C-alpha cells in the first residue's frame, strides 16, 4: 500500500464547480520523476462568457507542460475547465489565467497554453502564454491548431 493519497475526484460522481475560483485542481506524483517529457491536454470545445454581452465564447485550448514533481489529474482539470462555462472573462484573461494557475500550483519545469478563440465581432483572437524558455532537449510538437479561416 502506497503513502500517496488517492486522487480526489477520479472515480467519484463530482458536480461541476460553480466558478474557476471554486474549482480544485488535484495533483499526483509524477510517475516518471526525473525524466524530461511533455504532456499535452487539448480542450477543443472550451467555453466561457463574454464579460460585456454575457454571450458564450468558444475556444480550442492546448496545454503543454513538462512535469516536475507532480502531474495534474485529468478529471480535476476537466472540472476546472468546465467551471468557465458561467465565468465572464476576456479571452486574454481566461487563457493566461488558466496557464498561470496551473504553473503556480503544479510547479512544472515548463508550461505553455494556446487559446485559439473563435471569432467575436468577426475577429478570431488567439492567445499564447508560456512560463519561460522550454528545457533544453524537450520535444515540442506544433500545437496543431490552424488559424481560423472561416468557410472559405
N, C-alpha and C. Protein backbone atom coordinates (compact mmCIF):
# COMPACT_ATOMS: atom_id res chain seq x y z
N UNK A 1 0.85 -1.18 0.00
CA UNK A 1 0.00 0.00 0.00
C UNK A 1 0.89 1.24 0.00
N UNK A 2 0.54 2.21 -0.85
CA UNK A 2 1.34 3.40 -1.01
C UNK A 2 0.94 4.49 -0.02
N UNK A 3 1.90 5.36 0.32
CA UNK A 3 1.61 6.52 1.15
C UNK A 3 1.02 7.67 0.35
N UNK A 4 0.99 7.50 -0.97
CA UNK A 4 0.48 8.54 -1.85
C UNK A 4 -1.04 8.62 -1.73
N UNK A 5 -1.58 9.82 -1.47
CA UNK A 5 -3.03 9.95 -1.40
C UNK A 5 -3.67 9.66 -2.76
N UNK A 6 -4.85 9.07 -2.72
CA UNK A 6 -5.58 8.77 -3.95
C UNK A 6 -6.11 10.07 -4.55
N UNK A 7 -6.25 10.12 -5.88
CA UNK A 7 -6.84 11.31 -6.50
C UNK A 7 -8.22 11.59 -5.89
N UNK A 8 -8.53 12.88 -5.73
CA UNK A 8 -9.75 13.29 -5.03
C UNK A 8 -11.03 13.07 -5.84
N UNK A 9 -10.95 13.19 -7.16
CA UNK A 9 -12.16 13.18 -7.98
C UNK A 9 -12.31 11.95 -8.86
N UNK A 10 -11.22 11.29 -9.15
CA UNK A 10 -11.22 10.14 -10.05
C UNK A 10 -12.12 9.04 -9.51
N UNK A 11 -13.06 8.59 -10.31
CA UNK A 11 -13.97 7.53 -9.92
C UNK A 11 -15.14 7.97 -9.06
N UNK A 12 -15.22 9.27 -8.79
CA UNK A 12 -16.30 9.80 -7.95
C UNK A 12 -17.27 10.62 -8.80
N UNK A 13 -18.54 10.59 -8.43
CA UNK A 13 -19.54 11.43 -9.08
C UNK A 13 -19.33 12.84 -8.54
N UNK A 14 -18.85 13.72 -9.40
CA UNK A 14 -18.44 15.05 -8.97
C UNK A 14 -19.18 16.12 -9.77
N UNK A 15 -19.82 17.04 -9.08
CA UNK A 15 -20.53 18.13 -9.74
C UNK A 15 -19.53 19.13 -10.31
N UNK A 16 -19.95 19.80 -11.38
CA UNK A 16 -19.13 20.84 -11.98
C UNK A 16 -19.04 22.02 -11.01
N UNK A 17 -17.84 22.52 -10.72
CA UNK A 17 -17.73 23.67 -9.83
C UNK A 17 -18.45 24.89 -10.41
N UNK A 18 -18.98 25.74 -9.55
CA UNK A 18 -19.74 26.91 -9.99
C UNK A 18 -18.87 27.99 -10.61
N UNK A 19 -17.58 27.99 -10.30
CA UNK A 19 -16.68 29.02 -10.82
C UNK A 19 -15.25 28.48 -10.81
N UNK A 20 -14.36 29.11 -11.58
CA UNK A 20 -12.95 28.70 -11.54
C UNK A 20 -12.34 28.86 -10.15
N UNK A 21 -12.79 29.85 -9.40
CA UNK A 21 -12.27 30.07 -8.05
C UNK A 21 -12.65 28.92 -7.12
N UNK A 22 -13.82 28.33 -7.33
CA UNK A 22 -14.27 27.20 -6.50
C UNK A 22 -13.67 25.88 -6.96
N UNK A 23 -13.18 25.82 -8.18
CA UNK A 23 -12.64 24.57 -8.72
C UNK A 23 -11.32 24.22 -8.02
N UNK A 24 -11.18 22.96 -7.69
CA UNK A 24 -9.95 22.48 -7.04
C UNK A 24 -9.20 21.59 -8.01
N UNK A 25 -8.00 22.00 -8.34
CA UNK A 25 -7.14 21.17 -9.17
C UNK A 25 -6.42 20.17 -8.28
N UNK A 26 -6.33 18.94 -8.74
CA UNK A 26 -5.71 17.86 -7.98
C UNK A 26 -4.41 17.45 -8.67
N UNK A 27 -3.38 17.29 -7.89
CA UNK A 27 -2.07 16.91 -8.42
C UNK A 27 -1.63 15.61 -7.78
N UNK A 28 -1.00 14.78 -8.58
CA UNK A 28 -0.50 13.49 -8.10
C UNK A 28 0.99 13.41 -8.43
N UNK A 29 1.73 12.55 -7.74
CA UNK A 29 3.16 12.44 -8.00
C UNK A 29 3.44 12.06 -9.46
N UNK A 30 4.47 12.64 -10.00
CA UNK A 30 4.91 12.35 -11.36
C UNK A 30 5.43 10.91 -11.39
N UNK A 31 4.79 10.03 -12.20
CA UNK A 31 5.24 8.64 -12.24
C UNK A 31 6.59 8.46 -12.95
N UNK A 32 7.06 9.49 -13.65
CA UNK A 32 8.34 9.43 -14.35
C UNK A 32 9.25 10.58 -13.89
N UNK A 33 9.26 10.78 -12.57
CA UNK A 33 10.07 11.84 -11.98
C UNK A 33 11.51 11.72 -12.45
N UNK A 34 12.10 12.85 -12.82
CA UNK A 34 13.48 12.86 -13.29
C UNK A 34 13.60 12.71 -14.79
N UNK A 35 12.50 12.35 -15.47
CA UNK A 35 12.51 12.23 -16.93
C UNK A 35 12.04 13.54 -17.55
N UNK A 36 12.61 13.92 -18.68
CA UNK A 36 12.16 15.10 -19.42
C UNK A 36 11.18 14.63 -20.48
N UNK A 37 9.93 14.99 -20.30
CA UNK A 37 8.90 14.64 -21.28
C UNK A 37 7.81 15.70 -21.25
N UNK A 38 6.96 15.69 -22.25
CA UNK A 38 5.91 16.68 -22.36
C UNK A 38 4.54 16.01 -22.30
N UNK A 39 3.61 16.66 -21.61
CA UNK A 39 2.22 16.22 -21.53
C UNK A 39 1.38 17.27 -22.26
N UNK A 40 0.40 16.81 -23.04
CA UNK A 40 -0.50 17.72 -23.76
C UNK A 40 -1.94 17.40 -23.41
N UNK A 41 -2.68 18.44 -23.10
CA UNK A 41 -4.13 18.37 -22.96
C UNK A 41 -4.74 19.27 -24.02
N UNK A 42 -5.75 18.78 -24.71
CA UNK A 42 -6.48 19.59 -25.69
C UNK A 42 -7.94 19.64 -25.27
N UNK A 43 -8.49 20.84 -25.28
CA UNK A 43 -9.90 21.05 -24.96
C UNK A 43 -10.53 21.78 -26.15
N UNK A 44 -10.99 21.01 -27.16
CA UNK A 44 -11.47 21.64 -28.39
C UNK A 44 -12.85 22.29 -28.28
N UNK A 45 -13.53 22.10 -27.16
CA UNK A 45 -14.88 22.67 -27.01
C UNK A 45 -14.98 23.51 -25.74
N UNK A 46 -13.93 24.25 -25.43
CA UNK A 46 -13.90 25.10 -24.24
C UNK A 46 -14.87 26.27 -24.41
N UNK A 47 -15.56 26.64 -23.33
CA UNK A 47 -16.45 27.80 -23.38
C UNK A 47 -16.30 28.64 -22.13
N UNK A 48 -16.50 29.94 -22.33
CA UNK A 48 -16.63 30.90 -21.25
C UNK A 48 -17.63 31.95 -21.73
N UNK A 49 -17.82 33.00 -20.97
CA UNK A 49 -18.79 34.03 -21.33
C UNK A 49 -18.10 35.37 -21.57
N UNK A 50 -18.60 36.12 -22.55
CA UNK A 50 -18.11 37.46 -22.82
C UNK A 50 -18.46 38.34 -21.62
N UNK A 51 -17.48 39.09 -21.09
CA UNK A 51 -17.75 39.92 -19.92
C UNK A 51 -18.61 41.15 -20.22
N UNK A 52 -18.79 41.46 -21.49
CA UNK A 52 -19.59 42.63 -21.87
C UNK A 52 -21.02 42.22 -22.20
N UNK A 53 -21.17 41.20 -23.05
CA UNK A 53 -22.51 40.81 -23.52
C UNK A 53 -23.10 39.63 -22.78
N UNK A 54 -22.26 38.84 -22.12
CA UNK A 54 -22.74 37.62 -21.47
C UNK A 54 -22.97 36.48 -22.44
N UNK A 55 -22.66 36.68 -23.71
CA UNK A 55 -22.82 35.63 -24.72
C UNK A 55 -21.67 34.63 -24.62
N UNK A 56 -21.90 33.38 -25.03
CA UNK A 56 -20.82 32.38 -24.94
C UNK A 56 -19.70 32.64 -25.94
N UNK A 57 -18.49 32.37 -25.49
CA UNK A 57 -17.30 32.39 -26.33
C UNK A 57 -16.76 30.96 -26.39
N UNK A 58 -16.22 30.58 -27.53
CA UNK A 58 -15.75 29.21 -27.75
C UNK A 58 -14.28 29.23 -28.14
N UNK A 59 -13.54 28.25 -27.64
CA UNK A 59 -12.12 28.18 -27.95
C UNK A 59 -11.67 26.73 -28.01
N UNK A 60 -10.55 26.54 -28.67
CA UNK A 60 -9.81 25.28 -28.65
C UNK A 60 -8.56 25.58 -27.84
N UNK A 61 -8.47 25.01 -26.65
CA UNK A 61 -7.29 25.21 -25.80
C UNK A 61 -6.33 24.05 -25.96
N UNK A 62 -5.04 24.36 -25.97
CA UNK A 62 -4.00 23.33 -25.95
C UNK A 62 -3.03 23.70 -24.84
N UNK A 63 -2.87 22.79 -23.88
CA UNK A 63 -1.99 22.99 -22.73
C UNK A 63 -0.87 21.96 -22.81
N UNK A 64 0.36 22.44 -22.87
CA UNK A 64 1.54 21.58 -22.90
C UNK A 64 2.38 21.87 -21.67
N UNK A 65 2.90 20.82 -21.03
CA UNK A 65 3.81 21.07 -19.91
C UNK A 65 4.81 19.94 -19.75
N UNK A 66 5.95 20.31 -19.19
CA UNK A 66 6.99 19.34 -18.81
C UNK A 66 6.89 19.18 -17.30
N UNK A 67 6.43 18.01 -16.82
CA UNK A 67 6.21 17.83 -15.38
C UNK A 67 7.47 17.98 -14.55
N UNK A 68 7.23 18.44 -13.32
CA UNK A 68 8.27 18.44 -12.29
C UNK A 68 7.97 17.30 -11.33
N UNK A 69 7.71 17.62 -10.09
CA UNK A 69 7.43 16.63 -9.06
C UNK A 69 6.03 16.02 -9.20
N UNK A 70 5.08 16.79 -9.78
CA UNK A 70 3.69 16.34 -9.87
C UNK A 70 3.15 16.49 -11.28
N UNK A 71 2.01 15.82 -11.51
CA UNK A 71 1.23 16.00 -12.73
C UNK A 71 -0.19 16.36 -12.31
N UNK A 72 -0.91 17.06 -13.19
CA UNK A 72 -2.29 17.40 -12.87
C UNK A 72 -3.16 16.18 -13.19
N UNK A 73 -4.08 15.88 -12.29
CA UNK A 73 -5.01 14.77 -12.51
C UNK A 73 -6.05 15.24 -13.53
N UNK A 74 -6.27 14.46 -14.58
CA UNK A 74 -7.05 14.93 -15.73
C UNK A 74 -8.51 15.22 -15.42
N UNK A 75 -9.14 14.47 -14.53
CA UNK A 75 -10.55 14.76 -14.23
C UNK A 75 -10.67 16.11 -13.51
N UNK A 76 -9.75 16.41 -12.62
CA UNK A 76 -9.81 17.72 -11.95
C UNK A 76 -9.58 18.84 -12.95
N UNK A 77 -8.72 18.62 -13.94
CA UNK A 77 -8.51 19.63 -14.98
C UNK A 77 -9.79 19.81 -15.80
N UNK A 78 -10.44 18.71 -16.13
CA UNK A 78 -11.70 18.78 -16.88
C UNK A 78 -12.75 19.58 -16.11
N UNK A 79 -12.85 19.33 -14.81
CA UNK A 79 -13.82 20.06 -13.98
C UNK A 79 -13.44 21.54 -13.89
N UNK A 80 -12.16 21.83 -13.76
CA UNK A 80 -11.68 23.22 -13.72
C UNK A 80 -12.04 23.94 -15.01
N UNK A 81 -11.73 23.32 -16.15
CA UNK A 81 -12.03 23.96 -17.43
C UNK A 81 -13.53 24.12 -17.62
N UNK A 82 -14.31 23.13 -17.20
CA UNK A 82 -15.77 23.22 -17.30
C UNK A 82 -16.36 24.32 -16.45
N UNK A 83 -15.67 24.69 -15.37
CA UNK A 83 -16.18 25.73 -14.47
C UNK A 83 -16.19 27.11 -15.13
N UNK A 84 -15.54 27.24 -16.28
CA UNK A 84 -15.53 28.52 -17.00
C UNK A 84 -16.81 28.74 -17.81
N UNK A 85 -17.68 27.74 -17.90
CA UNK A 85 -18.91 27.88 -18.69
C UNK A 85 -19.77 29.04 -18.26
N UNK A 86 -19.75 29.39 -16.99
CA UNK A 86 -20.54 30.51 -16.47
C UNK A 86 -19.66 31.64 -15.97
N UNK A 87 -18.42 31.67 -16.41
CA UNK A 87 -17.45 32.69 -15.99
C UNK A 87 -17.29 33.74 -17.08
N UNK A 88 -17.40 34.99 -16.72
CA UNK A 88 -17.20 36.09 -17.66
C UNK A 88 -15.74 36.51 -17.65
N UNK A 89 -15.13 36.55 -18.82
CA UNK A 89 -13.74 36.98 -18.90
C UNK A 89 -13.30 37.19 -20.33
N UNK A 90 -12.43 38.18 -20.52
CA UNK A 90 -11.85 38.40 -21.83
C UNK A 90 -10.95 37.22 -22.19
N UNK A 91 -10.80 36.96 -23.48
CA UNK A 91 -10.01 35.82 -23.94
C UNK A 91 -8.61 35.81 -23.33
N UNK A 92 -7.99 36.98 -23.30
CA UNK A 92 -6.63 37.09 -22.78
C UNK A 92 -6.57 36.70 -21.31
N UNK A 93 -7.51 37.19 -20.52
CA UNK A 93 -7.53 36.92 -19.08
C UNK A 93 -7.79 35.43 -18.82
N UNK A 94 -8.72 34.86 -19.54
CA UNK A 94 -9.06 33.45 -19.34
C UNK A 94 -7.88 32.55 -19.71
N UNK A 95 -7.31 32.76 -20.89
CA UNK A 95 -6.22 31.90 -21.36
C UNK A 95 -5.00 32.00 -20.45
N UNK A 96 -4.54 33.21 -20.22
CA UNK A 96 -3.34 33.41 -19.40
C UNK A 96 -3.60 32.97 -17.95
N UNK A 97 -4.80 33.25 -17.45
CA UNK A 97 -5.15 32.85 -16.08
C UNK A 97 -5.10 31.35 -15.87
N UNK A 98 -5.58 30.59 -16.85
CA UNK A 98 -5.52 29.12 -16.76
C UNK A 98 -4.07 28.66 -16.72
N UNK A 99 -3.26 29.18 -17.63
CA UNK A 99 -1.85 28.80 -17.67
C UNK A 99 -1.11 29.17 -16.40
N UNK A 100 -1.34 30.37 -15.88
CA UNK A 100 -0.65 30.81 -14.67
C UNK A 100 -1.07 29.99 -13.45
N UNK A 101 -2.37 29.69 -13.35
CA UNK A 101 -2.81 28.91 -12.19
C UNK A 101 -2.18 27.52 -12.20
N UNK A 102 -2.20 26.86 -13.37
CA UNK A 102 -1.58 25.54 -13.46
C UNK A 102 -0.09 25.62 -13.12
N UNK A 103 0.58 26.62 -13.65
CA UNK A 103 2.02 26.74 -13.41
C UNK A 103 2.30 27.02 -11.93
N UNK A 104 1.56 27.94 -11.34
CA UNK A 104 1.79 28.31 -9.94
C UNK A 104 1.51 27.16 -8.97
N UNK A 105 0.47 26.38 -9.24
CA UNK A 105 0.09 25.30 -8.33
C UNK A 105 0.89 24.01 -8.56
N UNK A 106 1.11 23.66 -9.82
CA UNK A 106 1.75 22.38 -10.13
C UNK A 106 3.27 22.49 -10.10
N UNK A 107 3.80 23.69 -10.42
CA UNK A 107 5.23 23.92 -10.46
C UNK A 107 5.95 22.97 -11.43
N UNK A 108 5.49 22.93 -12.69
CA UNK A 108 6.18 22.09 -13.67
C UNK A 108 7.50 22.73 -14.08
N UNK A 109 8.30 21.97 -14.82
CA UNK A 109 9.54 22.53 -15.36
C UNK A 109 9.23 23.65 -16.35
N UNK A 110 8.13 23.50 -17.07
CA UNK A 110 7.76 24.45 -18.12
C UNK A 110 6.30 24.20 -18.48
N UNK A 111 5.60 25.27 -18.89
CA UNK A 111 4.20 25.15 -19.31
C UNK A 111 3.89 26.21 -20.35
N UNK A 112 3.08 25.82 -21.33
CA UNK A 112 2.56 26.79 -22.30
C UNK A 112 1.09 26.48 -22.54
N UNK A 113 0.34 27.51 -22.92
CA UNK A 113 -1.05 27.34 -23.29
C UNK A 113 -1.32 28.16 -24.54
N UNK A 114 -2.05 27.56 -25.47
CA UNK A 114 -2.54 28.26 -26.65
C UNK A 114 -4.06 28.29 -26.59
N UNK A 115 -4.62 29.47 -26.66
CA UNK A 115 -6.07 29.63 -26.70
C UNK A 115 -6.46 30.10 -28.09
N UNK A 116 -7.09 29.23 -28.85
CA UNK A 116 -7.49 29.51 -30.23
C UNK A 116 -9.00 29.80 -30.20
N UNK A 117 -9.33 31.08 -30.07
CA UNK A 117 -10.72 31.51 -29.87
C UNK A 117 -11.41 31.73 -31.20
N UNK A 118 -12.65 31.30 -31.27
CA UNK A 118 -13.46 31.50 -32.46
C UNK A 118 -13.88 32.96 -32.53
N UNK A 119 -14.22 33.46 -33.73
CA UNK A 119 -14.47 34.90 -33.90
C UNK A 119 -15.51 35.48 -32.95
N UNK A 120 -15.18 36.66 -32.47
CA UNK A 120 -16.11 37.51 -31.72
C UNK A 120 -16.09 38.84 -32.47
N UNK A 121 -17.26 39.28 -32.91
CA UNK A 121 -17.31 40.51 -33.69
C UNK A 121 -16.57 40.39 -35.00
N UNK A 122 -16.49 39.17 -35.53
CA UNK A 122 -15.84 38.94 -36.82
C UNK A 122 -14.33 38.77 -36.75
N UNK A 123 -13.74 38.83 -35.55
CA UNK A 123 -12.28 38.74 -35.43
C UNK A 123 -11.91 37.57 -34.51
N UNK A 124 -11.22 36.55 -35.05
CA UNK A 124 -10.72 35.49 -34.16
C UNK A 124 -9.55 36.03 -33.34
N UNK A 125 -9.46 35.58 -32.11
CA UNK A 125 -8.37 36.01 -31.21
C UNK A 125 -7.65 34.77 -30.73
N UNK A 126 -6.35 34.71 -30.96
CA UNK A 126 -5.52 33.62 -30.46
C UNK A 126 -4.62 34.19 -29.38
N UNK A 127 -4.56 33.52 -28.24
CA UNK A 127 -3.78 34.00 -27.09
C UNK A 127 -2.79 32.90 -26.69
N UNK A 128 -1.53 33.30 -26.49
CA UNK A 128 -0.48 32.36 -26.15
C UNK A 128 0.28 32.84 -24.92
N UNK A 129 0.60 31.90 -24.02
CA UNK A 129 1.39 32.22 -22.83
C UNK A 129 2.27 31.03 -22.53
N UNK A 130 3.48 31.32 -22.07
CA UNK A 130 4.34 30.25 -21.57
C UNK A 130 5.13 30.77 -20.38
N UNK A 131 5.56 29.83 -19.56
CA UNK A 131 6.22 30.17 -18.30
C UNK A 131 7.65 30.66 -18.48
N UNK A 132 8.23 30.44 -19.62
CA UNK A 132 9.61 30.81 -19.90
C UNK A 132 10.13 29.92 -21.02
N UNK A 133 11.42 29.91 -21.20
CA UNK A 133 12.01 29.07 -22.24
C UNK A 133 11.84 27.59 -21.87
N UNK A 134 11.53 26.75 -22.86
CA UNK A 134 11.42 25.32 -22.56
C UNK A 134 12.77 24.72 -22.20
N UNK A 135 12.75 23.65 -21.41
CA UNK A 135 14.02 22.99 -21.07
C UNK A 135 14.72 22.47 -22.33
N UNK A 136 16.03 22.55 -22.34
CA UNK A 136 16.80 22.06 -23.47
C UNK A 136 16.57 20.57 -23.66
N UNK A 137 16.29 20.18 -24.90
CA UNK A 137 16.07 18.78 -25.22
C UNK A 137 14.62 18.33 -25.17
N UNK A 138 13.72 19.22 -24.75
CA UNK A 138 12.29 18.87 -24.70
C UNK A 138 11.71 18.87 -26.10
N UNK A 139 11.06 17.79 -26.49
CA UNK A 139 10.41 17.72 -27.80
C UNK A 139 9.15 18.56 -27.73
N UNK A 140 9.04 19.55 -28.62
CA UNK A 140 7.89 20.45 -28.66
C UNK A 140 7.18 20.34 -30.00
N UNK A 141 6.22 19.44 -30.12
CA UNK A 141 5.46 19.38 -31.36
C UNK A 141 4.60 20.63 -31.51
N UNK A 142 4.29 20.95 -32.75
CA UNK A 142 3.37 22.06 -33.03
C UNK A 142 2.05 21.78 -32.33
N UNK A 143 1.36 22.83 -31.91
CA UNK A 143 0.09 22.63 -31.21
C UNK A 143 -1.01 22.11 -32.15
N UNK A 144 -0.82 22.20 -33.45
CA UNK A 144 -1.71 21.53 -34.39
C UNK A 144 -3.05 22.19 -34.61
N UNK A 145 -3.19 23.45 -34.22
CA UNK A 145 -4.47 24.14 -34.43
C UNK A 145 -4.21 25.24 -35.44
N UNK A 146 -4.89 25.16 -36.57
CA UNK A 146 -4.72 26.16 -37.62
C UNK A 146 -5.40 27.47 -37.23
N UNK A 147 -4.88 28.56 -37.77
CA UNK A 147 -5.55 29.84 -37.60
C UNK A 147 -6.94 29.76 -38.22
N UNK A 148 -7.88 30.51 -37.66
CA UNK A 148 -9.26 30.48 -38.14
C UNK A 148 -9.33 31.01 -39.57
N UNK A 149 -10.02 30.28 -40.45
CA UNK A 149 -10.14 30.69 -41.84
C UNK A 149 -11.58 30.92 -42.27
N UNK A 150 -12.54 30.64 -41.42
CA UNK A 150 -13.92 30.78 -41.83
C UNK A 150 -14.32 29.68 -42.79
N UNK A 151 -15.25 29.97 -43.65
CA UNK A 151 -15.75 28.95 -44.59
C UNK A 151 -15.11 29.03 -45.96
N UNK A 152 -14.13 29.85 -46.13
CA UNK A 152 -13.65 30.00 -47.48
C UNK A 152 -12.22 29.85 -47.64
